Amino acid sequence: MPRIEIYTTPQCPFCVQAKRLLAKKGVEFVEYNVAVDTARRREMEARSQRRTVPQIFIDDFHVGGCDDLYELEGDAKLDPLLGRAG
C-alpha cells in the first residue's frame, strides 16, 4: 500500500474535500496541519514548490491539490496510484 501524505489547514474546504475522497477510497493517509507546524509548512513548500493547501503526495508522487486529486479520479488514474484495481 502506498504512503499517502496530505498537508492541510483546519479551515480549508478543499482539504476537507480531498480527505473525504481519500476516506471514500478506504485508504489511510497521514495528515500534517501546517497551520500550527511551521516545520511541516516549510517541508510542504520545499516538496511541492507551492504554498497553498492541500498538497497531496502518494509515495514520492506529488498529486497537487484537491482539484488535481479529483481530476485523477475523473480520469480513472487515482485507483492505480492507490494500489487499487479500478
PDB file of N, CA and C in Angstrom:
ATOM      1  N   MET A   1       0.849  -1.175   0.000  1.00  0.00           N
ATOM      2  CA  MET A   1       0.000   0.000   0.000  1.00  0.00           C
ATOM      3  C   MET A   1       0.895   1.239   0.000  1.00  0.00           C
ATOM      4  N   PRO A   2       0.594   2.201  -0.844  1.00  0.00           N
ATOM      5  CA  PRO A   2       1.431   3.407  -0.902  1.00  0.00           C
ATOM      6  C   PRO A   2       1.238   4.289   0.333  1.00  0.00           C
ATOM      7  N   ARG A   3       2.232   5.111   0.604  1.00  0.00           N
ATOM      8  CA  ARG A   3       2.143   6.081   1.700  1.00  0.00           C
ATOM      9  C   ARG A   3       1.501   7.351   1.142  1.00  0.00           C
ATOM     10  N   ILE A   4       0.421   7.773   1.774  1.00  0.00           N
ATOM     11  CA  ILE A   4      -0.303   8.959   1.335  1.00  0.00           C
ATOM     12  C   ILE A   4      -0.146  10.023   2.413  1.00  0.00           C
ATOM     13  N   GLU A   5       0.314  11.194   1.982  1.00  0.00           N
ATOM     14  CA  GLU A   5       0.501  12.314   2.896  1.00  0.00           C
ATOM     15  C   GLU A   5      -0.273  13.504   2.360  1.00  0.00           C
ATOM     16  N   ILE A   6      -0.934  14.219   3.265  1.00  0.00           N
ATOM     17  CA  ILE A   6      -1.689  15.399   2.871  1.00  0.00           C
ATOM     18  C   ILE A   6      -1.398  16.518   3.867  1.00  0.00           C
ATOM     19  N   TYR A   7      -0.977  17.637   3.324  1.00  0.00           N
ATOM     20  CA  TYR A   7      -0.701  18.829   4.121  1.00  0.00           C
ATOM     21  C   TYR A   7      -1.954  19.688   4.092  1.00  0.00           C
ATOM     22  N   THR A   8      -2.458  20.069   5.272  1.00  0.00           N
ATOM     23  CA  THR A   8      -3.745  20.751   5.376  1.00  0.00           C
ATOM     24  C   THR A   8      -3.699  21.907   6.375  1.00  0.00           C
ATOM     25  N   THR A   9      -4.810  22.652   6.394  1.00  0.00           N
ATOM     26  CA  THR A   9      -5.119  23.575   7.480  1.00  0.00           C
ATOM     27  C   THR A   9      -6.567  23.298   7.899  1.00  0.00           C
ATOM     28  N   PRO A  10      -6.911  23.596   9.156  1.00  0.00           N
ATOM     29  CA  PRO A  10      -8.240  23.220   9.662  1.00  0.00           C
ATOM     30  C   PRO A  10      -9.424  23.870   8.948  1.00  0.00           C
ATOM     31  N   GLN A  11      -9.308  25.099   8.506  1.00  0.00           N
ATOM     32  CA  GLN A  11     -10.441  25.816   7.935  1.00  0.00           C
ATOM     33  C   GLN A  11     -10.545  25.703   6.416  1.00  0.00           C
ATOM     34  N   CYS A  12      -9.762  24.847   5.816  1.00  0.00           N
ATOM     35  CA  CYS A  12      -9.689  24.753   4.363  1.00  0.00           C
ATOM     36  C   CYS A  12     -10.754  23.796   3.809  1.00  0.00           C
ATOM     37  N   PRO A  13     -11.739  24.310   3.049  1.00  0.00           N
ATOM     38  CA  PRO A  13     -12.767  23.422   2.498  1.00  0.00           C
ATOM     39  C   PRO A  13     -12.214  22.453   1.449  1.00  0.00           C
ATOM     40  N   PHE A  14     -11.170  22.857   0.745  1.00  0.00           N
ATOM     41  CA  PHE A  14     -10.565  21.957  -0.247  1.00  0.00           C
ATOM     42  C   PHE A  14      -9.855  20.794   0.437  1.00  0.00           C
ATOM     43  N   CYS A  15      -9.283  21.063   1.604  1.00  0.00           N
ATOM     44  CA  CYS A  15      -8.655  19.993   2.391  1.00  0.00           C
ATOM     45  C   CYS A  15      -9.705  18.970   2.818  1.00  0.00           C
ATOM     46  N   VAL A  16     -10.849  19.474   3.268  1.00  0.00           N
ATOM     47  CA  VAL A  16     -11.952  18.604   3.682  1.00  0.00           C
ATOM     48  C   VAL A  16     -12.399  17.731   2.514  1.00  0.00           C
ATOM     49  N   GLN A  17     -12.556  18.334   1.329  1.00  0.00           N
ATOM     50  CA  GLN A  17     -12.991  17.579   0.156  1.00  0.00           C
ATOM     51  C   GLN A  17     -11.975  16.511  -0.236  1.00  0.00           C
ATOM     52  N   ALA A  18     -10.695  16.856  -0.198  1.00  0.00           N
ATOM     53  CA  ALA A  18      -9.653  15.891  -0.564  1.00  0.00           C
ATOM     54  C   ALA A  18      -9.636  14.729   0.420  1.00  0.00           C
ATOM     55  N   LYS A  19      -9.726  15.038   1.709  1.00  0.00           N
ATOM     56  CA  LYS A  19      -9.722  13.975   2.725  1.00  0.00           C
ATOM     57  C   LYS A  19     -10.964  13.103   2.590  1.00  0.00           C
ATOM     58  N   ARG A  20     -12.084  13.713   2.223  1.00  0.00           N
ATOM     59  CA  ARG A  20     -13.329  12.962   2.042  1.00  0.00           C
ATOM     60  C   ARG A  20     -13.178  11.941   0.910  1.00  0.00           C
ATOM     61  N   LEU A  21     -12.559  12.356  -0.199  1.00  0.00           N
ATOM     62  CA  LEU A  21     -12.364  11.428  -1.317  1.00  0.00           C
ATOM     63  C   LEU A  21     -11.422  10.298  -0.914  1.00  0.00           C
ATOM     64  N   LEU A  22     -10.338  10.625  -0.238  1.00  0.00           N
ATOM     65  CA  LEU A  22      -9.403   9.578   0.187  1.00  0.00           C
ATOM     66  C   LEU A  22     -10.083   8.609   1.159  1.00  0.00           C
ATOM     67  N   ALA A  23     -10.903   9.133   2.067  1.00  0.00           N
ATOM     68  CA  ALA A  23     -11.633   8.269   3.003  1.00  0.00           C
ATOM     69  C   ALA A  23     -12.625   7.385   2.254  1.00  0.00           C
ATOM     70  N   LYS A  24     -13.305   7.953   1.262  1.00  0.00           N
ATOM     71  CA  LYS A  24     -14.245   7.176   0.444  1.00  0.00           C
ATOM     72  C   LYS A  24     -13.528   6.029  -0.263  1.00  0.00           C
ATOM     73  N   LYS A  25     -12.285   6.269  -0.644  1.00  0.00           N
ATOM     74  CA  LYS A  25     -11.481   5.229  -1.293  1.00  0.00           C
ATOM     75  C   LYS A  25     -11.019   4.174  -0.305  1.00  0.00           C
ATOM     76  N   GLY A  26     -11.186   4.445   0.988  1.00  0.00           N
ATOM     77  CA  GLY A  26     -10.816   3.467   2.004  1.00  0.00           C
ATOM     78  C   GLY A  26      -9.321   3.369   2.251  1.00  0.00           C
ATOM     79  N   VAL A  27      -8.589   4.446   1.950  1.00  0.00           N
ATOM     80  CA  VAL A  27      -7.146   4.421   2.147  1.00  0.00           C
ATOM     81  C   VAL A  27      -6.774   5.248   3.370  1.00  0.00           C
ATOM     82  N   GLU A  28      -5.725   4.831   4.027  1.00  0.00           N
ATOM     83  CA  GLU A  28      -5.217   5.576   5.170  1.00  0.00           C
ATOM     84  C   GLU A  28      -4.251   6.636   4.669  1.00  0.00           C
ATOM     85  N   PHE A  29      -4.227   7.751   5.361  1.00  0.00           N
ATOM     86  CA  PHE A  29      -3.304   8.820   4.992  1.00  0.00           C
ATOM     87  C   PHE A  29      -2.793   9.500   6.247  1.00  0.00           C
ATOM     88  N   VAL A  30      -1.642  10.119   6.097  1.00  0.00           N
ATOM     89  CA  VAL A  30      -1.044  10.896   7.174  1.00  0.00           C
ATOM     90  C   VAL A  30      -1.347  12.358   6.878  1.00  0.00           C
ATOM     91  N   GLU A  31      -1.902  13.038   7.859  1.00  0.00           N
ATOM     92  CA  GLU A  31      -2.263  14.446   7.687  1.00  0.00           C
ATOM     93  C   GLU A  31      -1.333  15.321   8.516  1.00  0.00           C
ATOM     94  N   TYR A  32      -0.834  16.379   7.891  1.00  0.00           N
ATOM     95  CA  TYR A  32       0.013  17.345   8.579  1.00  0.00           C
ATOM     96  C   TYR A  32      -0.712  18.689   8.594  1.00  0.00           C
ATOM     97  N   ASN A  33      -0.955  19.227   9.774  1.00  0.00           N
ATOM     98  CA  ASN A  33      -1.597  20.525   9.927  1.00  0.00           C
ATOM     99  C   ASN A  33      -0.526  21.605   9.860  1.00  0.00           C
ATOM    100  N   VAL A  34      -0.414  22.239   8.718  1.00  0.00           N
ATOM    101  CA  VAL A  34       0.647  23.236   8.528  1.00  0.00           C
ATOM    102  C   VAL A  34       0.277  24.597   9.100  1.00  0.00           C
ATOM    103  N   ALA A  35      -0.924  24.737   9.645  1.00  0.00           N
ATOM    104  CA  ALA A  35      -1.301  25.982  10.309  1.00  0.00           C
ATOM    105  C   ALA A  35      -0.565  26.132  11.634  1.00  0.00           C
ATOM    106  N   VAL A  36      -0.243  25.015  12.267  1.00  0.00           N
ATOM    107  CA  VAL A  36       0.424  25.054  13.574  1.00  0.00           C
ATOM    108  C   VAL A  36       1.840  24.509  13.539  1.00  0.00           C
ATOM    109  N   ASP A  37       2.196  23.833  12.477  1.00  0.00           N
ATOM    110  CA  ASP A  37       3.518  23.202  12.387  1.00  0.00           C
ATOM    111  C   ASP A  37       4.321  23.874  11.273  1.00  0.00           C
ATOM    112  N   THR A  38       5.112  24.875  11.653  1.00  0.00           N
ATOM    113  CA  THR A  38       5.848  25.638  10.646  1.00  0.00           C
ATOM    114  C   THR A  38       6.921  24.808   9.962  1.00  0.00           C
ATOM    115  N   ALA A  39       7.479  23.841  10.660  1.00  0.00           N
ATOM    116  CA  ALA A  39       8.476  22.966  10.031  1.00  0.00           C
ATOM    117  C   ALA A  39       7.826  22.152   8.916  1.00  0.00           C
ATOM    118  N   ARG A  40       6.615  21.655   9.166  1.00  0.00           N
ATOM    119  CA  ARG A  40       5.893  20.907   8.124  1.00  0.00           C
ATOM    120  C   ARG A  40       5.501  21.822   6.966  1.00  0.00           C
ATOM    121  N   ARG A  41       5.170  23.081   7.261  1.00  0.00           N
ATOM    122  CA  ARG A  41       4.841  24.020   6.181  1.00  0.00           C
ATOM    123  C   ARG A  41       6.058  24.227   5.283  1.00  0.00           C
ATOM    124  N   ARG A  42       7.219  24.417   5.878  1.00  0.00           N
ATOM    125  CA  ARG A  42       8.441  24.580   5.080  1.00  0.00           C
ATOM    126  C   ARG A  42       8.726  23.319   4.278  1.00  0.00           C
ATOM    127  N   GLU A  43       8.505  22.160   4.894  1.00  0.00           N
ATOM    128  CA  GLU A  43       8.688  20.887   4.200  1.00  0.00           C
ATOM    129  C   GLU A  43       7.737  20.794   3.009  1.00  0.00           C
ATOM    130  N   MET A  44       6.476  21.151   3.221  1.00  0.00           N
ATOM    131  CA  MET A  44       5.475  21.112   2.150  1.00  0.00           C
ATOM    132  C   MET A  44       5.891  22.014   0.992  1.00  0.00           C
ATOM    133  N   GLU A  45       6.312  23.222   1.316  1.00  0.00           N
ATOM    134  CA  GLU A  45       6.710  24.170   0.280  1.00  0.00           C
ATOM    135  C   GLU A  45       7.930  23.675  -0.491  1.00  0.00           C
ATOM    136  N   ALA A  46       8.873  23.064   0.215  1.00  0.00           N
ATOM    137  CA  ALA A  46      10.071  22.535  -0.453  1.00  0.00           C
ATOM    138  C   ALA A  46       9.713  21.356  -1.355  1.00  0.00           C
ATOM    139  N   ARG A  47       8.839  20.477  -0.883  1.00  0.00           N
ATOM    140  CA  ARG A  47       8.476  19.295  -1.664  1.00  0.00           C
ATOM    141  C   ARG A  47       7.599  19.638  -2.864  1.00  0.00           C
ATOM    142  N   SER A  48       6.667  20.552  -2.676  1.00  0.00           N
ATOM    143  CA  SER A  48       5.664  20.815  -3.708  1.00  0.00           C
ATOM    144  C   SER A  48       5.963  22.045  -4.564  1.00  0.00           C
ATOM    145  N   GLN A  49       6.815  22.912  -4.065  1.00  0.00           N
ATOM    146  CA  GLN A  49       7.061  24.197  -4.710  1.00  0.00           C
ATOM    147  C   GLN A  49       5.779  25.030  -4.761  1.00  0.00           C
ATOM    148  N   ARG A  50       4.880  24.786  -3.814  1.00  0.00           N
ATOM    149  CA  ARG A  50       3.617  25.521  -3.712  1.00  0.00           C
ATOM    150  C   ARG A  50       3.391  25.921  -2.264  1.00  0.00           C
ATOM    151  N   ARG A  51       2.557  26.950  -2.074  1.00  0.00           N
ATOM    152  CA  ARG A  51       2.270  27.450  -0.734  1.00  0.00           C
ATOM    153  C   ARG A  51       0.819  27.207  -0.322  1.00  0.00           C
ATOM    154  N   THR A  52       0.002  26.704  -1.236  1.00  0.00           N
ATOM    155  CA  THR A  52      -1.415  26.507  -0.943  1.00  0.00           C
ATOM    156  C   THR A  52      -1.660  25.100  -0.408  1.00  0.00           C
ATOM    157  N   VAL A  53      -2.778  24.956   0.306  1.00  0.00           N
ATOM    158  CA  VAL A  53      -3.195  23.645   0.800  1.00  0.00           C
ATOM    159  C   VAL A  53      -4.517  23.283   0.150  1.00  0.00           C
ATOM    160  N   PRO A  54      -4.785  21.999   0.052  1.00  0.00           N
ATOM    161  CA  PRO A  54      -3.925  20.889   0.453  1.00  0.00           C
ATOM    162  C   PRO A  54      -2.828  20.631  -0.573  1.00  0.00           C
ATOM    163  N   GLN A  55      -1.793  19.982  -0.118  1.00  0.00           N
ATOM    164  CA  GLN A  55      -0.784  19.409  -1.014  1.00  0.00           C
ATOM    165  C   GLN A  55      -0.750  17.921  -0.687  1.00  0.00           C
ATOM    166  N   ILE A  56      -0.890  17.111  -1.717  1.00  0.00           N
ATOM    167  CA  ILE A  56      -1.070  15.672  -1.546  1.00  0.00           C
ATOM    168  C   ILE A  56       0.056  14.930  -2.239  1.00  0.00           C
ATOM    169  N   PHE A  57       0.590  13.943  -1.526  1.00  0.00           N
ATOM    170  CA  PHE A  57       1.642  13.090  -2.073  1.00  0.00           C
ATOM    171  C   PHE A  57       1.224  11.639  -1.910  1.00  0.00           C
ATOM    172  N   ILE A  58       1.445  10.862  -2.958  1.00  0.00           N
ATOM    173  CA  ILE A  58       1.278   9.411  -2.902  1.00  0.00           C
ATOM    174  C   ILE A  58       2.661   8.842  -3.153  1.00  0.00           C
ATOM    175  N   ASP A  59       3.230   8.261  -2.119  1.00  0.00           N
ATOM    176  CA  ASP A  59       4.655   7.918  -2.107  1.00  0.00           C
ATOM    177  C   ASP A  59       5.417   9.194  -2.462  1.00  0.00           C
ATOM    178  N   ASP A  60       6.274   9.173  -3.441  1.00  0.00           N
ATOM    179  CA  ASP A  60       7.026  10.376  -3.807  1.00  0.00           C
ATOM    180  C   ASP A  60       6.369  11.166  -4.937  1.00  0.00           C
ATOM    181  N   PHE A  61       5.197  10.713  -5.405  1.00  0.00           N
ATOM    182  CA  PHE A  61       4.485  11.399  -6.479  1.00  0.00           C
ATOM    183  C   PHE A  61       3.684  12.566  -5.914  1.00  0.00           C
ATOM    184  N   HIS A  62       3.939  13.757  -6.419  1.00  0.00           N
ATOM    185  CA  HIS A  62       3.194  14.937  -5.988  1.00  0.00           C
ATOM    186  C   HIS A  62       1.913  15.041  -6.804  1.00  0.00           C
ATOM    187  N   VAL A  63       0.800  14.739  -6.171  1.00  0.00           N
ATOM    188  CA  VAL A  63      -0.506  14.829  -6.828  1.00  0.00           C
ATOM    189  C   VAL A  63      -0.848  16.286  -7.092  1.00  0.00           C
ATOM    190  N   GLY A  64      -0.615  17.116  -6.113  1.00  0.00           N
ATOM    191  CA  GLY A  64      -1.001  18.522  -6.183  1.00  0.00           C
ATOM    192  C   GLY A  64      -2.072  18.783  -5.152  1.00  0.00           C
ATOM    193  N   GLY A  65      -3.080  19.576  -5.534  1.00  0.00           N
ATOM    194  CA  GLY A  65      -4.146  19.942  -4.620  1.00  0.00           C
ATOM    195  C   GLY A  65      -5.410  19.144  -4.834  1.00  0.00           C
ATOM    196  N   CYS A  66      -6.482  19.653  -4.270  1.00  0.00           N
ATOM    197  CA  CYS A  66      -7.778  18.972  -4.326  1.00  0.00           C
ATOM    198  C   CYS A  66      -8.261  18.793  -5.762  1.00  0.00           C
ATOM    199  N   ASP A  67      -8.191  19.849  -6.561  1.00  0.00           N
ATOM    200  CA  ASP A  67      -8.638  19.741  -7.952  1.00  0.00           C
ATOM    201  C   ASP A  67      -7.845  18.689  -8.710  1.00  0.00           C
ATOM    202  N   ASP A  68      -6.549  18.624  -8.436  1.00  0.00           N
ATOM    203  CA  ASP A  68      -5.695  17.628  -9.099  1.00  0.00           C
ATOM    204  C   ASP A  68      -6.091  16.213  -8.690  1.00  0.00           C
ATOM    205  N   LEU A  69      -6.415  16.040  -7.410  1.00  0.00           N
ATOM    206  CA  LEU A  69      -6.832  14.731  -6.909  1.00  0.00           C
ATOM    207  C   LEU A  69      -8.128  14.291  -7.592  1.00  0.00           C
ATOM    208  N   TYR A  70      -9.094  15.203  -7.665  1.00  0.00           N
ATOM    209  CA  TYR A  70     -10.367  14.877  -8.302  1.00  0.00           C
ATOM    210  C   TYR A  70     -10.214  14.663  -9.813  1.00  0.00           C
ATOM    211  N   GLU A  71      -9.281  15.360 -10.424  1.00  0.00           N
ATOM    212  CA  GLU A  71      -9.015  15.136 -11.847  1.00  0.00           C
ATOM    213  C   GLU A  71      -8.474  13.725 -12.076  1.00  0.00           C
ATOM    214  N   LEU A  72      -7.559  13.293 -11.213  1.00  0.00           N
ATOM    215  CA  LEU A  72      -7.057  11.914 -11.317  1.00  0.00           C
ATOM    216  C   LEU A  72      -8.200  10.916 -11.166  1.00  0.00           C
ATOM    217  N   GLU A  73      -9.096  11.185 -10.222  1.00  0.00           N
ATOM    218  CA  GLU A  73     -10.244  10.309 -10.014  1.00  0.00           C
ATOM    219  C   GLU A  73     -11.123  10.285 -11.259  1.00  0.00           C
ATOM    220  N   GLY A  74     -11.403  11.437 -11.832  1.00  0.00           N
ATOM    221  CA  GLY A  74     -12.241  11.524 -13.023  1.00  0.00           C
ATOM    222  C   GLY A  74     -11.639  10.845 -14.235  1.00  0.00           C
ATOM    223  N   ASP A  75     -10.314  10.839 -14.299  1.00  0.00           N
ATOM    224  CA  ASP A  75      -9.604  10.205 -15.412  1.00  0.00           C
ATOM    225  C   ASP A  75      -9.276   8.735 -15.141  1.00  0.00           C
ATOM    226  N   ALA A  76      -9.814   8.186 -14.055  1.00  0.00           N
ATOM    227  CA  ALA A  76      -9.576   6.792 -13.649  1.00  0.00           C
ATOM    228  C   ALA A  76      -8.104   6.491 -13.437  1.00  0.00           C
ATOM    229  N   LYS A  77      -7.345   7.494 -12.956  1.00  0.00           N
ATOM    230  CA  LYS A  77      -5.913   7.305 -12.707  1.00  0.00           C
ATOM    231  C   LYS A  77      -5.582   7.262 -11.217  1.00  0.00           C
ATOM    232  N   LEU A  78      -6.563   7.560 -10.355  1.00  0.00           N
ATOM    233  CA  LEU A  78      -6.298   7.584  -8.920  1.00  0.00           C
ATOM    234  C   LEU A  78      -6.163   6.183  -8.343  1.00  0.00           C
ATOM    235  N   ASP A  79      -7.082   5.294  -8.686  1.00  0.00           N
ATOM    236  CA  ASP A  79      -7.040   3.940  -8.117  1.00  0.00           C
ATOM    237  C   ASP A  79      -5.709   3.234  -8.370  1.00  0.00           C
ATOM    238  N   PRO A  80      -5.152   3.290  -9.586  1.00  0.00           N
ATOM    239  CA  PRO A  80      -3.849   2.657  -9.784  1.00  0.00           C
ATOM    240  C   PRO A  80      -2.748   3.259  -8.893  1.00  0.00           C
ATOM    241  N   LEU A  81      -2.803   4.580  -8.684  1.00  0.00           N
ATOM    242  CA  LEU A  81      -1.819   5.203  -7.797  1.00  0.00           C
ATOM    243  C   LEU A  81      -1.981   4.739  -6.360  1.00  0.00           C
ATOM    244  N   LEU A  82      -3.215   4.430  -6.004  1.00  0.00           N
ATOM    245  CA  LEU A  82      -3.510   3.974  -4.643  1.00  0.00           C
ATOM    246  C   LEU A  82      -3.289   2.477  -4.478  1.00  0.00           C
ATOM    247  N   GLY A  83      -2.868   1.821  -5.547  1.00  0.00           N
ATOM    248  CA  GLY A  83      -2.636   0.390  -5.471  1.00  0.00           C
ATOM    249  C   GLY A  83      -3.919  -0.424  -5.506  1.00  0.00           C
ATOM    250  N   ARG A  84      -4.946   0.162  -6.086  1.00  0.00           N
ATOM    251  CA  ARG A  84      -6.253  -0.495  -6.178  1.00  0.00           C
ATOM    252  C   ARG A  84      -6.572  -0.781  -7.642  1.00  0.00           C
ATOM    253  N   ALA A  85      -7.272  -1.874  -7.869  1.00  0.00           N
ATOM    254  CA  ALA A  85      -7.775  -2.143  -9.228  1.00  0.00           C
ATOM    255  C   ALA A  85      -8.895  -1.149  -9.477  1.00  0.00           C
ATOM    256  N   GLY A  86      -9.012  -0.578 -10.615  1.00  0.00           N
ATOM    257  CA  GLY A  86     -10.019   0.453 -10.896  1.00  0.00           C
ATOM    258  C   GLY A  86     -11.390   0.162 -10.657  1.00  0.00           C
TER     259      GLY A  86
END
